Amino acid sequence: MLQLVHRNARQLARTVDALVAAARHESGASRGSADAEAVVAAAAAACRGLAAERQIDLEIAGPLHPLRVGVEAELAERVLQPVIENACRYGSRRVRIEIERQDSTVLYTVEDDGAGVENDERELIFEPGARGSAGESNGNNGAGLGLPLARRLARSVSGDLVAYPSESGGRFVIRLPGG
């Protein structure tokens, strides 16, 4: 019971931190820049406990050449972390994160081998408080705030977060400006 309380308190703290970060960046605070691979490594490290608990293999496929994102590391981590956490929560055995450059942006693709997102839920899951059927069917009791906050943060810096159809599970692509 204490572990559940502790986990929920950590999740609430991350949500509040994400809201503060969104407000700061929407107000025009400086954008900064960070190493794209270091950002995803830090976001994945925050999810390693959940991955270990669920026996999920968490793999990061780094870029062929060093890449920089055109946002502060803390903000980029706050965008990536809830997406990786969801992949660890809904995946069966594997979560893979790939980093690549596309034109002037950095793309993070997060894929898991779970049930995936139904086509009619691909936008719904980005609404605050909404959860997809995969969350309801596996007993997941999240608040439905992680993905909406991650998308809001990404969009606050001219990026985006999109759920794509996939035959092999969940597939989310995070687009952030290159640095």
Protein backbone atom coordinates (compact mmCIF):
# COMPACT_ATOMS: atom_id res chain seq x y z
CA MET A 1 0.00 0.00 0.00
CA LEU A 2 2.88 2.38 0.80
CA GLN A 3 4.43 1.65 -2.59
CA LEU A 4 1.16 2.60 -4.29
CA VAL A 5 0.96 5.86 -2.31
CA HIS A 6 4.60 6.61 -3.12
CA ARG A 7 4.11 5.88 -6.84
CA ASN A 8 0.99 8.08 -6.97
CA ALA A 9 2.78 10.90 -5.14
CA ARG A 10 5.65 10.75 -7.65
CA GLN A 11 3.19 10.81 -10.53
CA LEU A 12 1.41 13.83 -9.04
CA ALA A 13 4.74 15.64 -8.56
CA ARG A 14 5.66 14.96 -12.22
CA THR A 15 2.26 16.29 -13.32
CA VAL A 16 2.68 19.50 -11.33
CA ASP A 17 6.23 19.93 -12.63
CA ALA A 18 4.98 19.45 -16.21
CA LEU A 19 2.26 22.07 -15.70
CA VAL A 20 4.80 24.54 -14.35
CA ALA A 21 7.15 23.83 -17.27
CA ALA A 22 4.31 24.30 -19.76
CA ALA A 23 3.33 27.63 -18.22
CA ARG A 24 6.95 28.82 -18.22
CA HIS A 25 7.51 27.92 -21.87
CA GLU A 26 4.16 29.26 -23.03
CA SER A 27 5.07 32.57 -21.44
CA GLY A 28 8.11 32.84 -23.73
CA ALA A 29 10.92 31.67 -21.45
CA SER A 30 14.23 30.85 -23.14
CA ARG A 31 14.34 27.76 -25.31
CA GLY A 32 17.85 26.43 -24.70
CA SER A 33 19.31 23.34 -26.32
CA ALA A 34 20.28 19.83 -25.23
CA ASP A 35 21.85 16.59 -26.42
CA ALA A 36 19.00 14.51 -27.92
CA GLU A 37 20.37 11.17 -26.73
CA ALA A 38 21.10 12.39 -23.18
CA VAL A 39 17.52 13.66 -22.95
CA VAL A 40 15.99 10.31 -23.86
CA ALA A 41 18.41 8.48 -21.57
CA ALA A 42 17.30 10.63 -18.61
CA ALA A 43 13.60 10.19 -19.46
CA ALA A 44 14.07 6.43 -19.80
CA ALA A 45 15.97 6.26 -16.50
CA ALA A 46 12.88 7.65 -14.74
CA CYS A 47 10.94 4.67 -16.14
CA ARG A 48 13.48 1.92 -15.46
CA GLY A 49 11.79 0.89 -12.18
CA LEU A 50 8.44 0.36 -13.90
CA ALA A 51 10.16 -1.44 -16.79
CA ALA A 52 11.95 -3.77 -14.36
CA GLU A 53 8.76 -4.39 -12.38
CA ARG A 54 6.88 -5.32 -15.58
CA GLN A 55 9.90 -7.17 -17.06
CA ILE A 56 10.00 -4.85 -20.06
CA ASP A 57 13.15 -4.63 -22.16
CA LEU A 58 13.71 -0.87 -22.62
CA GLU A 59 15.92 -0.18 -25.63
CA ILE A 60 17.24 3.15 -26.94
CA ALA A 61 18.42 3.32 -30.55
CA GLY A 62 20.58 6.41 -30.61
CA PRO A 63 21.17 8.55 -33.68
CA LEU A 64 24.01 7.77 -36.08
CA HIS A 65 25.42 11.26 -35.48
CA PRO A 66 25.13 13.48 -32.39
CA LEU A 67 21.90 15.48 -32.41
CA ARG A 68 20.72 18.45 -30.41
CA VAL A 69 17.16 19.44 -29.62
CA GLY A 70 16.36 23.14 -29.59
CA VAL A 71 14.77 23.09 -26.13
CA GLU A 72 16.06 22.79 -22.59
CA ALA A 73 16.83 19.24 -21.47
CA GLU A 74 14.30 19.42 -18.62
CA LEU A 75 11.46 20.31 -20.97
CA ALA A 76 12.36 17.63 -23.51
CA GLU A 77 12.53 15.02 -20.71
CA ARG A 78 9.08 16.09 -19.48
CA VAL A 79 7.70 15.53 -22.98
CA LEU A 80 9.33 12.12 -23.41
CA GLN A 81 8.93 10.62 -19.94
CA PRO A 82 5.12 10.12 -19.88
CA VAL A 83 5.20 8.57 -23.35
CA ILE A 84 7.95 6.12 -22.33
CA GLU A 85 6.15 5.41 -19.05
CA ASN A 86 2.92 4.59 -20.90
CA ALA A 87 4.83 2.31 -23.28
CA CYS A 88 6.31 0.47 -20.27
CA ARG A 89 2.88 0.28 -18.67
CA TYR A 90 1.06 -1.05 -21.75
CA GLY A 91 3.82 -3.01 -23.49
CA SER A 92 4.13 -6.77 -23.13
CA ARG A 93 7.87 -7.38 -23.26
CA ARG A 94 9.58 -4.59 -25.19
CA VAL A 95 9.79 -0.81 -25.57
CA ARG A 96 12.02 0.72 -28.21
CA ILE A 97 12.89 4.41 -28.53
CA GLU A 98 14.49 5.64 -31.72
CA ILE A 99 16.05 9.06 -32.29
CA GLU A 100 16.49 10.62 -35.73
CA ARG A 101 16.73 13.97 -37.48
CA GLN A 102 14.14 14.94 -40.07
CA ASP A 103 14.81 18.28 -41.72
CA SER A 104 15.09 20.81 -38.88
CA THR A 105 13.44 18.61 -36.24
CA VAL A 106 14.40 15.75 -33.97
CA LEU A 107 12.00 12.80 -33.93
CA TYR A 108 11.68 10.41 -31.01
CA THR A 109 9.68 7.30 -31.91
CA VAL A 110 8.46 5.28 -28.93
CA GLU A 111 7.11 1.82 -29.78
CA ASP A 112 5.86 -0.99 -27.58
CA ASP A 113 4.54 -4.48 -28.24
CA GLY A 114 1.27 -4.05 -26.34
CA ALA A 115 -2.31 -3.67 -27.52
CA GLY A 116 -1.68 -0.32 -29.21
CA VAL A 117 -4.14 2.54 -29.62
CA GLU A 118 -7.46 2.08 -31.40
CA ASN A 119 -7.89 4.33 -34.46
CA ASP A 120 -10.89 6.10 -32.94
CA GLU A 121 -8.90 6.83 -29.75
CA ARG A 122 -5.77 8.33 -31.36
CA GLU A 123 -6.89 11.89 -30.55
CA LEU A 124 -9.04 11.08 -27.52
CA ILE A 125 -6.05 9.96 -25.45
CA PHE A 126 -4.64 13.50 -25.66
CA GLU A 127 -7.69 14.97 -23.90
CA PRO A 128 -7.14 15.60 -20.15
CA GLY A 129 -8.74 12.86 -18.08
CA ALA A 130 -9.44 10.58 -21.05
CA ARG A 131 -7.92 7.14 -21.31
CA GLY A 132 -7.95 4.63 -24.11
CA SER A 133 -9.53 1.21 -23.88
CA ALA A 134 -6.11 -0.42 -23.38
CA GLY A 135 -5.81 1.40 -20.03
CA GLU A 136 -9.24 0.34 -18.92
CA SER A 137 -8.82 -3.28 -19.96
CA ASN A 138 -5.50 -3.85 -18.16
CA GLY A 139 -6.57 -2.30 -14.86
CA ASN A 140 -4.38 0.75 -15.29
CA ASN A 141 -5.55 3.48 -12.95
CA GLY A 142 -3.76 6.51 -14.35
CA ALA A 143 -5.37 9.94 -14.25
CA GLY A 144 -5.23 10.45 -18.01
CA LEU A 145 -2.98 13.52 -17.73
CA GLY A 146 0.46 12.33 -18.89
CA LEU A 147 -0.11 12.31 -22.65
CA PRO A 148 -2.16 15.54 -22.74
CA LEU A 149 0.57 17.35 -20.77
CA ALA A 150 3.32 15.89 -22.94
CA ARG A 151 1.54 17.06 -26.10
CA ARG A 152 0.92 20.51 -24.62
CA LEU A 153 4.60 20.87 -23.72
CA ALA A 154 5.73 19.70 -27.16
CA ARG A 155 3.38 22.14 -28.87
CA SER A 156 4.51 24.99 -26.60
CA VAL A 157 7.91 24.80 -28.34
CA SER A 158 6.57 24.26 -31.88
CA GLY A 159 6.80 20.48 -31.62
CA ASP A 160 4.12 17.81 -31.45
CA LEU A 161 3.18 14.38 -30.11
CA VAL A 162 1.16 12.02 -32.29
CA ALA A 163 -0.13 8.46 -31.88
CA TYR A 164 0.21 6.44 -35.09
CA PRO A 165 -1.41 3.17 -36.06
CA SER A 166 0.83 0.15 -35.74
CA GLU A 167 0.27 -3.56 -36.24
CA SER A 168 2.73 -4.41 -33.48
CA GLY A 169 1.57 -2.25 -30.53
CA GLY A 170 1.69 1.40 -29.52
CA ARG A 171 3.61 3.86 -31.69
CA PHE A 172 4.10 7.49 -30.66
CA VAL A 173 6.22 10.07 -32.43
CA ILE A 174 7.47 13.14 -30.59
CA ARG A 175 8.71 15.96 -32.79
CA LEU A 176 10.87 18.66 -31.20
CA PRO A 177 12.79 21.48 -32.87
CA GLY A 178 16.41 20.72 -33.69
CA GLY A 179 19.12 22.71 -32.01
